[in-house]
N, C-alpha and C. Protein backbone atom coordinates (compact mmCIF):
# COMPACT_ATOMS: atom_id res chain seq x y z
N MET A 1 3.24 0.06 -11.91
CA MET A 1 3.03 -0.66 -10.91
C MET A 1 1.50 -0.98 -10.35
N SER A 2 1.37 -2.07 -9.69
CA SER A 2 -0.59 -1.94 -9.68
C SER A 2 -0.29 -2.26 -8.58
N ARG A 3 -1.49 -1.65 -8.16
CA ARG A 3 -1.90 -1.20 -6.69
C ARG A 3 -2.86 -2.03 -5.73
N ARG A 4 -2.53 -3.73 -5.98
CA ARG A 4 -3.15 -4.56 -5.62
C ARG A 4 -2.87 -5.02 -4.07
N LYS A 5 -4.23 -4.93 -3.34
CA LYS A 5 -3.41 -5.47 -1.90
C LYS A 5 -3.25 -7.02 -1.98
N THR A 6 -1.98 -7.23 -1.38
CA THR A 6 -1.67 -8.77 -1.35
C THR A 6 -2.36 -9.08 0.23
N ALA A 7 -2.25 -10.04 0.21
CA ALA A 7 -2.90 -11.10 1.93
C ALA A 7 -2.38 -10.61 2.81
N ALA A 8 -1.12 -9.84 2.84
CA ALA A 8 -0.62 -9.43 4.07
C ALA A 8 -1.11 -8.11 4.74
N ASN A 9 -1.37 -7.35 3.23
CA ASN A 9 -1.99 -5.98 3.66
C ASN A 9 -4.01 -5.82 3.72
N ALA A 10 -4.35 -6.75 3.54
CA ALA A 10 -5.37 -6.83 3.55
C ALA A 10 -6.25 -7.30 4.91
N SER A 11 -7.38 -6.69 5.13
CA SER A 11 -8.10 -5.97 5.84
C SER A 11 -8.48 -7.70 6.46
N PRO A 12 -9.12 -8.30 7.57
CA PRO A 12 -9.92 -9.54 7.55
C PRO A 12 -11.08 -9.54 7.46
N HIS A 13 -11.79 -10.54 7.01
CA HIS A 13 -12.98 -10.85 6.22
C HIS A 13 -13.87 -11.22 6.95
N VAL A 14 -15.10 -10.41 6.88
CA VAL A 14 -16.19 -10.72 7.62
C VAL A 14 -16.60 -12.18 8.99
N VAL A 15 -16.26 -13.12 7.96
CA VAL A 15 -16.54 -14.70 8.38
C VAL A 15 -15.38 -14.66 9.26
N GLU A 16 -14.38 -14.60 9.23
CA GLU A 16 -12.93 -14.57 10.08
C GLU A 16 -13.51 -14.15 11.41
N TRP A 17 -13.77 -12.83 11.51
CA TRP A 17 -14.49 -12.00 12.71
C TRP A 17 -15.33 -13.22 13.45
N ILE A 18 -16.61 -13.42 12.51
CA ILE A 18 -17.45 -13.93 13.32
C ILE A 18 -16.90 -15.12 14.19
N VAL A 19 -16.19 -16.17 13.25
CA VAL A 19 -15.83 -17.39 13.40
C VAL A 19 -14.93 -16.98 14.85
N GLY A 20 -14.01 -16.17 14.89
CA GLY A 20 -12.78 -15.80 15.70
C GLY A 20 -13.81 -15.69 16.91
N LEU A 21 -14.81 -14.74 17.36
CA LEU A 21 -16.36 -14.49 18.26
C LEU A 21 -16.42 -15.76 18.42
N ALA A 22 -17.14 -16.48 17.82
CA ALA A 22 -17.95 -17.45 18.33
C ALA A 22 -16.55 -18.74 18.84
N SER A 23 -15.49 -18.53 18.32
CA SER A 23 -14.98 -19.54 19.06
C SER A 23 -14.46 -19.34 20.77
N THR A 24 -14.13 -17.96 20.35
CA THR A 24 -13.76 -17.19 21.93
C THR A 24 -14.82 -17.16 22.97
N LEU A 25 -15.89 -17.05 22.63
CA LEU A 25 -17.33 -17.65 23.37
C LEU A 25 -17.19 -18.88 23.74
N LEU A 26 -17.00 -19.83 23.01
CA LEU A 26 -16.92 -21.01 23.47
C LEU A 26 -16.33 -21.34 24.18
N VAL A 27 -15.00 -20.95 24.28
CA VAL A 27 -13.81 -21.62 24.99
C VAL A 27 -14.24 -20.66 26.47
N VAL A 28 -14.16 -19.29 26.37
CA VAL A 28 -14.86 -18.77 27.81
C VAL A 28 -16.02 -19.42 28.49
N ALA A 29 -17.43 -20.21 27.44
CA ALA A 29 -18.01 -21.28 28.10
C ALA A 29 -17.67 -22.25 28.89
N MET A 30 -16.39 -22.79 27.91
CA MET A 30 -16.28 -24.02 28.62
C MET A 30 -15.52 -23.99 29.83
N ILE A 31 -14.67 -23.09 29.82
CA ILE A 31 -13.96 -22.74 31.14
C ILE A 31 -14.73 -21.81 32.16
N GLY A 32 -16.07 -21.25 31.49
CA GLY A 32 -17.00 -21.31 33.39
C GLY A 32 -17.56 -21.96 33.53
N PHE A 33 -17.79 -23.55 32.88
CA PHE A 33 -18.92 -24.29 33.20
C PHE A 33 -17.70 -25.29 33.72
N ILE A 34 -16.74 -25.66 33.82
CA ILE A 34 -15.57 -26.34 34.23
C ILE A 34 -15.56 -25.36 35.71
N GLY A 35 -15.22 -24.24 35.73
CA GLY A 35 -15.62 -23.45 37.38
C GLY A 35 -16.36 -24.16 37.62
N PHE A 36 -17.16 -23.80 37.49
CA PHE A 36 -18.71 -23.57 38.27
C PHE A 36 -19.06 -25.31 38.60
N GLU A 37 -18.39 -26.48 37.94
CA GLU A 37 -18.35 -27.97 38.01
C GLU A 37 -17.82 -27.75 39.34
N VAL A 38 -16.18 -27.24 39.29
CA VAL A 38 -15.52 -27.14 40.39
C VAL A 38 -15.79 -26.85 42.04
N LEU A 39 -16.84 -25.54 41.76
CA LEU A 39 -17.02 -24.91 42.66
C LEU A 39 -18.00 -25.53 43.56
N SER A 40 -19.34 -26.15 42.45
CA SER A 40 -20.47 -26.80 43.56
C SER A 40 -20.45 -28.23 43.49
N GLU A 41 -18.99 -28.91 43.61
CA GLU A 41 -19.20 -30.26 43.37
C GLU A 41 -19.38 -30.45 45.23
N GLU A 42 -20.23 -31.07 45.83
CA GLU A 42 -20.11 -31.17 47.13
C GLU A 42 -18.61 -32.41 47.27
N GLY A 43 -18.22 -32.95 47.00
CA GLY A 43 -16.99 -34.36 47.18
C GLY A 43 -17.84 -35.34 48.17
N GLY A 44 -18.27 -35.55 49.04
CA GLY A 44 -19.04 -35.99 49.80
C GLY A 44 -18.63 -37.31 49.32
N PRO A 45 -18.63 -38.44 50.37
CA PRO A 45 -18.33 -40.04 50.21
C PRO A 45 -19.12 -40.53 48.81
N PRO A 46 -19.01 -41.77 48.55
CA PRO A 46 -20.17 -42.37 47.48
C PRO A 46 -20.99 -42.53 49.00
N ARG A 47 -22.71 -42.75 47.37
CA ARG A 47 -23.32 -43.51 48.45
C ARG A 47 -23.85 -44.40 47.86
N LEU A 48 -24.13 -45.77 48.33
CA LEU A 48 -23.84 -46.83 47.49
C LEU A 48 -24.94 -47.87 48.26
N ALA A 49 -26.09 -48.08 47.53
CA ALA A 49 -27.17 -49.06 47.92
C ALA A 49 -27.58 -50.09 46.78
N VAL A 50 -27.49 -51.38 47.01
CA VAL A 50 -27.44 -52.48 46.28
C VAL A 50 -28.53 -52.93 46.92
N SER A 51 -29.54 -53.44 45.98
CA SER A 51 -31.09 -54.29 45.41
C SER A 51 -30.95 -55.62 44.95
N ILE A 52 -31.80 -56.57 45.15
CA ILE A 52 -31.86 -57.52 44.40
C ILE A 52 -33.10 -57.43 43.39
N LEU A 53 -32.50 -58.13 42.16
CA LEU A 53 -32.91 -57.99 40.82
C LEU A 53 -33.73 -59.30 40.64
N ASP A 54 -33.01 -60.50 41.04
CA ASP A 54 -33.63 -61.88 40.50
C ASP A 54 -33.22 -63.12 41.53
N GLN A 55 -34.07 -63.34 42.47
CA GLN A 55 -33.62 -64.65 43.41
C GLN A 55 -34.21 -65.86 42.69
N ARG A 56 -34.68 -66.12 41.60
CA ARG A 56 -35.49 -66.92 40.95
C ARG A 56 -34.70 -67.47 39.52
N SER A 57 -33.87 -67.61 39.71
CA SER A 57 -32.82 -68.17 37.94
C SER A 57 -33.53 -69.28 37.98
N LYS A 58 -33.71 -69.82 36.62
CA LYS A 58 -33.91 -71.35 36.17
C LYS A 58 -32.81 -71.69 35.77
N ALA A 59 -32.60 -70.96 35.04
CA ALA A 59 -30.97 -71.52 34.76
C ALA A 59 -29.83 -71.62 35.72
N ALA A 60 -29.72 -71.24 36.45
CA ALA A 60 -29.26 -71.34 37.86
C ALA A 60 -29.44 -71.09 38.88
N PRO A 61 -30.41 -71.51 39.42
CA PRO A 61 -31.06 -71.96 41.01
C PRO A 61 -29.95 -71.54 41.72
N ASN A 62 -28.78 -71.54 41.88
CA ASN A 62 -27.52 -71.10 43.21
C ASN A 62 -27.42 -69.37 42.86
N GLU A 63 -27.78 -68.62 41.67
CA GLU A 63 -27.71 -67.75 41.37
C GLU A 63 -28.28 -66.38 42.39
N LEU A 64 -27.39 -65.09 42.50
CA LEU A 64 -28.36 -64.32 42.83
C LEU A 64 -28.15 -63.12 42.30
N LEU A 65 -28.95 -62.58 41.16
CA LEU A 65 -28.77 -61.27 40.49
C LEU A 65 -28.94 -59.98 41.61
N PHE A 66 -27.99 -58.75 41.41
CA PHE A 66 -28.28 -58.24 41.80
C PHE A 66 -27.48 -56.80 41.39
N GLU A 67 -27.94 -55.24 41.63
CA GLU A 67 -27.60 -54.13 41.21
C GLU A 67 -26.75 -53.22 42.41
N VAL A 68 -25.75 -52.73 42.37
CA VAL A 68 -25.22 -51.84 43.20
C VAL A 68 -25.29 -50.34 42.54
N ALA A 69 -26.21 -49.63 42.96
CA ALA A 69 -26.15 -47.67 42.87
C ALA A 69 -25.30 -46.55 43.37
N ASN A 70 -24.69 -46.08 42.81
CA ASN A 70 -23.92 -44.79 43.27
C ASN A 70 -24.91 -43.77 43.16
N SER A 71 -24.96 -43.07 44.08
CA SER A 71 -25.89 -42.04 43.82
C SER A 71 -25.17 -40.58 44.57
N ALA A 72 -24.24 -40.34 44.22
CA ALA A 72 -22.88 -39.54 44.91
C ALA A 72 -22.83 -39.21 43.53
N ASP A 73 -21.55 -37.94 43.45
CA ASP A 73 -20.86 -37.34 42.95
C ASP A 73 -19.57 -37.83 42.62
N THR A 74 -19.31 -38.77 43.59
CA THR A 74 -18.19 -39.78 43.77
C THR A 74 -17.88 -40.80 43.40
N THR A 75 -17.00 -41.45 42.60
CA THR A 75 -16.74 -42.65 41.98
C THR A 75 -16.38 -43.39 43.10
N ALA A 76 -16.78 -44.33 43.26
CA ALA A 76 -16.29 -45.76 44.33
C ALA A 76 -15.67 -46.73 43.41
N ALA A 77 -14.36 -46.99 44.30
CA ALA A 77 -13.39 -48.29 43.09
C ALA A 77 -13.25 -49.71 44.34
N ALA A 78 -13.35 -50.58 43.77
CA ALA A 78 -13.38 -51.76 44.87
C ALA A 78 -14.01 -52.35 45.82
N VAL A 79 -15.49 -51.95 44.93
CA VAL A 79 -16.53 -52.03 45.71
C VAL A 79 -17.05 -53.77 46.09
N VAL A 80 -17.54 -54.00 46.88
CA VAL A 80 -17.59 -55.24 47.51
C VAL A 80 -19.03 -55.62 48.13
N VAL A 81 -19.24 -56.24 47.88
CA VAL A 81 -20.94 -56.67 47.89
C VAL A 81 -20.88 -58.24 48.40
N ARG A 82 -21.39 -58.18 49.85
CA ARG A 82 -21.31 -59.00 50.12
C ARG A 82 -23.17 -60.37 50.92
N GLY A 83 -23.38 -61.11 50.52
CA GLY A 83 -24.34 -62.00 50.82
C GLY A 83 -24.78 -63.17 51.21
N GLU A 84 -24.78 -62.84 52.85
CA GLU A 84 -25.39 -64.04 53.45
C GLU A 84 -26.61 -65.01 53.50
N PHE A 85 -26.83 -66.14 52.97
CA PHE A 85 -28.01 -67.12 52.76
C PHE A 85 -28.22 -67.89 53.64
N HIS A 86 -29.01 -67.96 54.59
CA HIS A 86 -29.96 -69.36 55.38
C HIS A 86 -30.60 -69.83 54.66
N SER A 87 -30.38 -71.30 54.86
CA SER A 87 -30.94 -71.86 53.70
C SER A 87 -32.36 -72.60 54.81
N GLY A 88 -32.28 -72.57 56.24
CA GLY A 88 -33.11 -73.17 57.17
C GLY A 88 -33.35 -72.47 58.68
N GLU A 89 -33.86 -72.96 59.55
CA GLU A 89 -33.39 -72.57 61.41
C GLU A 89 -32.65 -73.50 61.01
N GLY A 90 -31.51 -72.80 62.14
CA GLY A 90 -30.54 -73.68 62.39
C GLY A 90 -29.12 -74.45 61.48
N ALA A 91 -29.73 -74.05 60.41
CA ALA A 91 -28.45 -74.30 59.61
C ALA A 91 -27.54 -73.10 59.41
N GLU A 92 -26.46 -73.14 59.53
CA GLU A 92 -25.47 -72.68 58.87
C GLU A 92 -25.39 -71.06 57.73
N ALA A 93 -24.79 -70.04 58.06
CA ALA A 93 -24.68 -69.25 56.70
C ALA A 93 -23.96 -69.27 55.55
N GLU A 94 -24.17 -69.30 54.68
CA GLU A 94 -23.10 -69.55 53.50
C GLU A 94 -23.60 -67.60 53.11
N THR A 95 -21.88 -67.79 52.89
CA THR A 95 -21.59 -66.25 52.32
C THR A 95 -21.00 -66.27 50.95
N SER A 96 -21.61 -65.52 50.25
CA SER A 96 -20.75 -65.47 48.90
C SER A 96 -20.31 -63.76 48.96
N GLU A 97 -19.32 -63.41 48.42
CA GLU A 97 -18.93 -62.42 47.61
C GLU A 97 -18.51 -61.76 46.55
N ALA A 98 -18.98 -60.38 46.09
CA ALA A 98 -18.76 -60.07 44.66
C ALA A 98 -18.14 -58.63 44.90
N ARG A 99 -17.06 -58.65 43.50
CA ARG A 99 -16.27 -57.41 43.86
C ARG A 99 -16.14 -56.34 42.38
N PHE A 100 -16.18 -55.37 42.49
CA PHE A 100 -16.27 -54.26 41.86
C PHE A 100 -15.43 -53.18 41.44
N ASP A 101 -14.66 -53.17 40.31
CA ASP A 101 -13.52 -52.40 40.21
C ASP A 101 -13.94 -51.07 40.59
N TYR A 102 -15.16 -50.36 39.52
CA TYR A 102 -15.41 -48.98 39.89
C TYR A 102 -17.11 -49.33 39.77
N VAL A 103 -17.49 -48.42 40.44
CA VAL A 103 -18.98 -48.22 40.38
C VAL A 103 -18.63 -46.50 39.96
N PRO A 104 -18.78 -45.82 39.20
CA PRO A 104 -18.81 -44.69 38.92
C PRO A 104 -19.95 -43.57 39.27
N ALA A 105 -19.85 -42.52 39.58
CA ALA A 105 -20.89 -41.24 40.39
C ALA A 105 -22.36 -41.28 38.85
N HIS A 106 -23.58 -41.66 40.09
CA HIS A 106 -24.27 -41.76 39.19
C HIS A 106 -24.52 -42.57 38.20
N SER A 107 -24.11 -43.60 38.62
CA SER A 107 -24.64 -45.29 37.63
C SER A 107 -24.69 -46.35 38.47
N LYS A 108 -25.13 -47.65 37.64
CA LYS A 108 -25.09 -48.79 38.64
C LYS A 108 -24.33 -49.58 38.19
N ALA A 109 -24.44 -51.01 38.69
CA ALA A 109 -23.64 -51.66 38.05
C ALA A 109 -24.00 -53.07 38.94
N ARG A 110 -24.28 -54.23 37.61
CA ARG A 110 -24.89 -55.65 38.22
C ARG A 110 -24.05 -56.58 38.17
N GLY A 111 -24.46 -57.64 39.02
CA GLY A 111 -23.54 -58.59 39.17
C GLY A 111 -24.49 -59.97 39.50
N ALA A 112 -23.58 -61.23 40.07
CA ALA A 112 -24.48 -61.89 40.66
C ALA A 112 -23.91 -62.71 42.14
N LEU A 113 -23.96 -63.28 42.94
CA LEU A 113 -23.66 -63.84 43.84
C LEU A 113 -24.42 -65.29 43.66
N ILE A 114 -23.02 -66.19 43.76
CA ILE A 114 -23.55 -67.77 43.90
C ILE A 114 -23.21 -68.64 44.60
N PHE A 115 -24.15 -69.14 45.20
CA PHE A 115 -24.23 -70.28 46.15
C PHE A 115 -24.25 -71.67 46.07
N THR A 116 -23.47 -72.31 47.25
CA THR A 116 -23.99 -73.94 46.68
C THR A 116 -24.50 -74.37 46.34
N SER A 117 -25.93 -74.40 47.34
CA SER A 117 -27.22 -74.27 47.47
C SER A 117 -28.57 -73.23 46.88
N PRO A 118 -29.76 -73.60 45.82
CA PRO A 118 -30.39 -73.06 45.38
C PRO A 118 -30.95 -72.07 45.93
N VAL A 119 -31.28 -70.49 46.17
CA VAL A 119 -31.79 -69.72 46.96
C VAL A 119 -32.66 -69.62 46.91
N ASP A 120 -34.18 -70.59 46.25
CA ASP A 120 -35.40 -70.46 45.94
C ASP A 120 -36.14 -70.60 47.48
N GLY A 121 -36.65 -69.96 48.29
CA GLY A 121 -37.16 -70.44 49.90
C GLY A 121 -36.31 -69.96 50.66
N GLY A 122 -34.96 -69.43 50.69
CA GLY A 122 -34.32 -69.34 51.74
C GLY A 122 -34.29 -67.55 52.25
N ASN A 123 -33.74 -67.22 53.07
CA ASN A 123 -33.43 -66.00 53.42
C ASN A 123 -31.89 -65.41 52.74
N VAL A 124 -32.06 -64.32 52.21
CA VAL A 124 -31.14 -63.88 51.90
C VAL A 124 -30.91 -62.49 51.64
N ALA A 125 -29.96 -61.73 52.74
CA ALA A 125 -29.16 -60.80 52.98
C ALA A 125 -27.96 -60.26 52.32
N ILE A 126 -27.91 -59.34 51.29
CA ILE A 126 -27.37 -58.43 50.72
C ILE A 126 -27.20 -57.23 50.91
N ARG A 127 -25.42 -56.65 51.13
CA ARG A 127 -25.24 -55.37 51.33
C ARG A 127 -23.53 -55.15 51.08
N VAL A 128 -23.26 -54.12 50.80
CA VAL A 128 -21.92 -53.40 50.60
C VAL A 128 -21.13 -53.46 51.80
N VAL A 129 -20.03 -54.23 51.41
CA VAL A 129 -19.38 -54.36 52.55
C VAL A 129 -17.58 -53.36 52.82
N GLY A 130 -17.74 -52.31 51.62
CA GLY A 130 -16.80 -51.96 51.29
C GLY A 130 -16.50 -51.61 50.00
N TYR A 131 -15.52 -50.43 50.03
CA TYR A 131 -14.97 -49.55 48.73
C TYR A 131 -14.05 -49.18 48.99
N ALA A 132 -12.89 -48.59 47.98
CA ALA A 132 -11.59 -47.42 48.02
C ALA A 132 -12.29 -46.11 47.18
N ASP A 133 -11.32 -45.24 47.88
CA ASP A 133 -11.61 -44.01 46.90
C ASP A 133 -10.14 -44.72 45.39
N PRO A 134 -11.15 -43.75 44.90
CA PRO A 134 -10.10 -44.16 43.35
C PRO A 134 -8.68 -43.31 43.28
């Protein structure tokens, strides 16, 4: 009868110990990172800022391109941007709105407001008028 070691009786190879240790360290590091993110999160409301990118589009002179930036750690849903265009003194303001499904944390979204008359030379006011918590 031979005295050969079977797979059940053999001690683990050094490579198995190294892989097991590396896996354990990776799992512990991931749990620590997630815990740190949870504890250090500010959790405040979204901070939305809107800026005009281009007011003079040659292809569509009645189109106003803009960008919404969210600098907070919180996502904003159903973001509504409203623009008011005054073509001259005494003229009634024309209003246009755009809605974004989501503006994620630390990101930007672009859109366009479309008016009935060209926005060249007119006075345009643009702002975020509302959002919802997702």
